[in-house]
Amino acid sequence: MTILIVGLVIFLGGHSVRIFADDWRTRQISKVGENAWKGLYSLVSIAAFVLVVWGFGKARQQPVLLYVPAIWLRHLNALFTLAAFVLVAAAYVPRNRLKAAVGHPMLAGVKLWAFGHLLATGMLHDLVLFGAFLIWAVANFVVSRRRDGRMGVTYPAGTTTGDLITLVAGIGVWAVFAFWAHLHWIGVAPFG
C-alpha cells in the first residue's frame, strides 16, 4: 500500500500545483521556459503513474475488504463511467456544449469515474485510489472554476458537430475500455 500512496502523493501533488502554488508555478515557467517545465512535469507524472499502477497491483494482492457493495452499484458505475468518458472527450473536442457548460469536463469526468468506482468496489486499496482521485478532482474543479470567474474566462459556444464528435468519441472509447481493455489491462471484467 505504501507504493500506491507514494505514487498518489507525487501524481496528485504534481497535478495540484495550480491549486496550492499557482504563483510559484508561473515563476518556474518563466525561469526555465514552458517546454522545459512541461518536460519535467511529464517525467514526474509518468514516474508517479508507474508507482500508482505498481502500488495498486501490489495492494490488490493483499486485499482488505471494507464493505460489500450491492450488485446494482456495478451497473450504476458503468453508467457513471460512460458519462465520465464523454466528459473527458469533451475536454479535447473543440466547440462542444459540455465544455462550454462545465468549463473543466476532464475534472468532472474524473469525479464521476472515481465516485462510481467507490460505489462499486469495497476494498481498502480501491478506497485509497478512487478516494484520493475524487478528493483531488473536487478540489481542483472548485479552484479552477473560481479562477475562471476571477479571470473572466469564457468557453466558446458549442456546436452540434462538436457535440456529436464528443459523444461518438466518448462512447466509442468507453466501449473499447469496458468490453475489452479493462479486463486485459486491469484484470476485472466490468460486465462479467
Protein backbone atom coordinates (compact mmCIF):
# COMPACT_ATOMS: atom_id res chain seq x y z
CA MET A 1 0.00 0.00 0.00
CA THR A 2 2.96 2.31 0.66
CA ILE A 3 3.99 2.39 -3.01
CA LEU A 4 0.41 3.24 -4.03
CA ILE A 5 0.23 6.08 -1.51
CA VAL A 6 3.64 7.49 -2.51
CA GLY A 7 2.64 7.35 -6.17
CA LEU A 8 -0.66 9.11 -5.45
CA VAL A 9 1.04 11.81 -3.39
CA ILE A 10 3.52 12.54 -6.19
CA PHE A 11 0.99 12.24 -9.05
CA LEU A 12 -1.84 14.20 -7.46
CA GLY A 13 0.59 16.57 -5.75
CA GLY A 14 2.16 17.42 -9.09
CA HIS A 15 -1.28 17.90 -10.57
CA SER A 16 -2.21 20.18 -7.65
CA VAL A 17 0.46 22.84 -8.14
CA ARG A 18 -2.10 25.22 -9.69
CA ILE A 19 -4.36 24.69 -6.67
CA PHE A 20 -1.79 25.46 -3.99
CA ALA A 21 1.11 27.27 -5.68
CA ASP A 22 -0.06 28.89 -8.91
CA ASP A 23 2.24 31.90 -8.49
CA TRP A 24 5.23 29.63 -7.85
CA ARG A 25 4.34 27.63 -10.97
CA THR A 26 4.21 30.82 -13.04
CA ARG A 27 7.63 31.89 -11.73
CA GLN A 28 9.15 28.49 -12.51
CA ILE A 29 7.79 28.52 -16.06
CA SER A 30 9.25 31.98 -16.66
CA LYS A 31 12.57 30.83 -15.16
CA VAL A 32 13.06 27.53 -17.05
CA GLY A 33 10.74 28.04 -20.03
CA GLU A 34 7.41 26.45 -20.86
CA ASN A 35 8.84 23.47 -22.76
CA ALA A 36 11.30 22.58 -20.00
CA TRP A 37 8.51 22.88 -17.42
CA LYS A 38 6.22 20.64 -19.46
CA GLY A 39 9.02 18.11 -19.95
CA LEU A 40 9.84 17.92 -16.24
CA TYR A 41 6.14 17.84 -15.34
CA SER A 42 5.60 14.98 -17.80
CA LEU A 43 8.55 12.95 -16.48
CA VAL A 44 7.39 13.32 -12.87
CA SER A 45 3.80 12.46 -13.85
CA ILE A 46 4.84 9.34 -15.77
CA ALA A 47 7.10 8.12 -12.95
CA ALA A 48 4.34 8.74 -10.39
CA PHE A 49 1.75 7.00 -12.58
CA VAL A 50 4.02 3.95 -12.80
CA LEU A 51 4.22 3.95 -8.98
CA VAL A 52 0.41 4.19 -8.73
CA VAL A 53 -0.09 1.26 -11.13
CA TRP A 54 2.60 -0.83 -9.46
CA GLY A 55 1.39 0.02 -5.96
CA PHE A 56 -2.24 -0.69 -6.83
CA GLY A 57 -1.24 -4.06 -8.29
CA LYS A 58 0.70 -4.95 -5.14
CA ALA A 59 -2.11 -3.77 -2.86
CA ARG A 60 -4.60 -5.94 -4.75
CA GLN A 61 -2.51 -8.99 -3.79
CA GLN A 62 -3.33 -8.39 -0.11
CA PRO A 63 -6.97 -7.27 -0.22
CA VAL A 64 -8.70 -5.80 2.81
CA LEU A 65 -12.49 -5.88 2.50
CA LEU A 66 -14.21 -2.77 3.89
CA TYR A 67 -17.73 -3.28 2.54
CA VAL A 68 -19.66 -5.43 0.07
CA PRO A 69 -21.41 -3.22 -2.49
CA ALA A 70 -24.79 -4.20 -3.90
CA ILE A 71 -24.55 -5.73 -7.37
CA TRP A 72 -26.69 -2.98 -8.93
CA LEU A 73 -23.99 -0.47 -8.00
CA ARG A 74 -21.75 -2.06 -10.65
CA HIS A 75 -24.33 -1.13 -13.26
CA LEU A 76 -24.58 2.37 -11.87
CA ASN A 77 -20.78 2.59 -12.02
CA ALA A 78 -20.89 1.58 -15.69
CA LEU A 79 -23.29 4.45 -16.35
CA PHE A 80 -21.13 6.91 -14.39
CA THR A 81 -18.04 5.71 -16.22
CA LEU A 82 -19.76 6.12 -19.60
CA ALA A 83 -20.62 9.71 -18.68
CA ALA A 84 -17.05 10.21 -17.44
CA PHE A 85 -15.60 9.10 -20.78
CA VAL A 86 -17.89 11.51 -22.63
CA LEU A 87 -16.81 14.33 -20.30
CA VAL A 88 -13.13 13.52 -20.84
CA ALA A 89 -13.72 13.55 -24.61
CA ALA A 90 -15.37 16.95 -24.18
CA ALA A 91 -12.11 18.29 -22.75
CA TYR A 92 -10.37 17.61 -26.07
CA VAL A 93 -13.03 18.10 -28.73
CA PRO A 94 -13.27 21.74 -29.76
CA ARG A 95 -16.52 23.69 -29.54
CA ASN A 96 -18.84 21.30 -27.70
CA ARG A 97 -21.62 22.29 -25.35
CA LEU A 98 -20.35 20.19 -22.44
CA LYS A 99 -17.09 22.13 -22.26
CA ALA A 100 -18.97 25.41 -22.67
CA ALA A 101 -21.27 24.50 -19.76
CA VAL A 102 -18.88 22.70 -17.41
CA GLY A 103 -15.64 24.54 -18.16
CA HIS A 104 -13.45 21.69 -16.91
CA PRO A 105 -15.05 18.48 -18.19
CA MET A 106 -11.89 16.40 -17.55
CA LEU A 107 -12.16 17.10 -13.83
CA ALA A 108 -15.91 16.45 -13.87
CA GLY A 109 -15.21 13.13 -15.61
CA VAL A 110 -12.60 12.14 -13.03
CA LYS A 111 -15.11 12.92 -10.26
CA LEU A 112 -17.75 10.66 -11.83
CA TRP A 113 -15.24 7.87 -12.55
CA ALA A 114 -13.86 7.91 -9.01
CA PHE A 115 -17.26 8.19 -7.32
CA GLY A 116 -18.71 5.36 -9.39
CA HIS A 117 -15.79 3.10 -8.58
CA LEU A 118 -16.11 3.88 -4.87
CA LEU A 119 -19.73 2.75 -5.06
CA ALA A 120 -18.95 -0.45 -6.95
CA THR A 121 -15.85 -1.65 -5.09
CA GLY A 122 -15.28 -2.30 -1.42
CA MET A 123 -11.59 -2.95 -0.88
CA LEU A 124 -9.17 -0.73 1.03
CA HIS A 125 -6.90 -0.26 -1.99
CA ASP A 126 -9.93 0.88 -4.02
CA LEU A 127 -10.88 3.39 -1.35
CA VAL A 128 -7.33 4.77 -1.30
CA LEU A 129 -7.05 5.07 -5.10
CA PHE A 130 -10.52 6.28 -6.02
CA GLY A 131 -10.99 8.30 -2.83
CA ALA A 132 -7.76 10.21 -3.47
CA PHE A 133 -8.75 10.94 -7.07
CA LEU A 134 -12.25 12.04 -6.01
CA ILE A 135 -10.96 14.45 -3.36
CA TRP A 136 -8.37 15.85 -5.79
CA ALA A 137 -10.88 16.27 -8.63
CA VAL A 138 -13.46 18.01 -6.43
CA ALA A 139 -10.87 20.43 -5.03
CA ASN A 140 -9.31 21.11 -8.43
CA PHE A 141 -12.71 21.66 -10.06
CA VAL A 142 -13.77 24.19 -7.43
CA VAL A 143 -10.46 26.08 -7.62
CA SER A 144 -10.44 26.02 -11.42
CA ARG A 145 -13.99 27.36 -11.71
CA ARG A 146 -13.21 30.13 -9.21
CA ARG A 147 -10.06 31.03 -11.15
CA ASP A 148 -12.10 31.14 -14.37
CA GLY A 149 -14.58 33.51 -12.72
CA ARG A 150 -11.84 35.75 -11.35
CA MET A 151 -10.08 35.92 -14.71
CA GLY A 152 -13.28 36.30 -16.74
CA VAL A 153 -12.67 33.06 -18.67
CA THR A 154 -15.47 32.02 -21.01
CA TYR A 155 -15.56 28.97 -23.23
CA PRO A 156 -16.62 29.02 -26.87
CA ALA A 157 -20.22 28.10 -27.57
CA GLY A 158 -20.72 24.52 -28.59
CA THR A 159 -21.84 23.29 -31.97
CA THR A 160 -23.85 20.26 -32.99
CA THR A 161 -20.78 18.87 -34.77
CA GLY A 162 -18.66 19.31 -31.65
CA ASP A 163 -21.35 17.63 -29.54
CA LEU A 164 -21.65 14.66 -31.91
CA ILE A 165 -17.89 14.14 -32.10
CA THR A 166 -17.71 14.32 -28.29
CA LEU A 167 -20.46 11.72 -27.88
CA VAL A 168 -19.11 9.33 -30.52
CA ALA A 169 -15.54 9.57 -29.23
CA GLY A 170 -16.52 9.22 -25.57
CA ILE A 171 -18.92 6.32 -26.11
CA GLY A 172 -16.53 4.59 -28.53
CA VAL A 173 -13.53 4.73 -26.21
CA TRP A 174 -15.72 3.73 -23.25
CA ALA A 175 -17.00 0.67 -25.15
CA VAL A 176 -13.48 -0.48 -26.04
CA PHE A 177 -12.34 0.04 -22.48
CA ALA A 178 -15.41 -1.50 -20.82
CA PHE A 179 -15.69 -4.56 -23.05
CA TRP A 180 -12.01 -5.28 -23.72
CA ALA A 181 -9.26 -3.15 -22.18
CA HIS A 182 -10.48 -3.14 -18.56
CA LEU A 183 -10.20 -6.94 -18.40
CA HIS A 184 -6.86 -7.12 -20.22
CA TRP A 185 -5.18 -4.18 -18.50
CA ILE A 186 -6.72 -4.27 -15.03
CA GLY A 187 -7.86 -7.88 -14.76
CA VAL A 188 -11.51 -7.13 -14.00
CA ALA A 189 -14.39 -7.61 -16.45
CA PRO A 190 -16.88 -4.81 -15.66
CA PHE A 191 -19.79 -6.79 -17.08
CA GLY A 192 -18.53 -10.28 -16.23
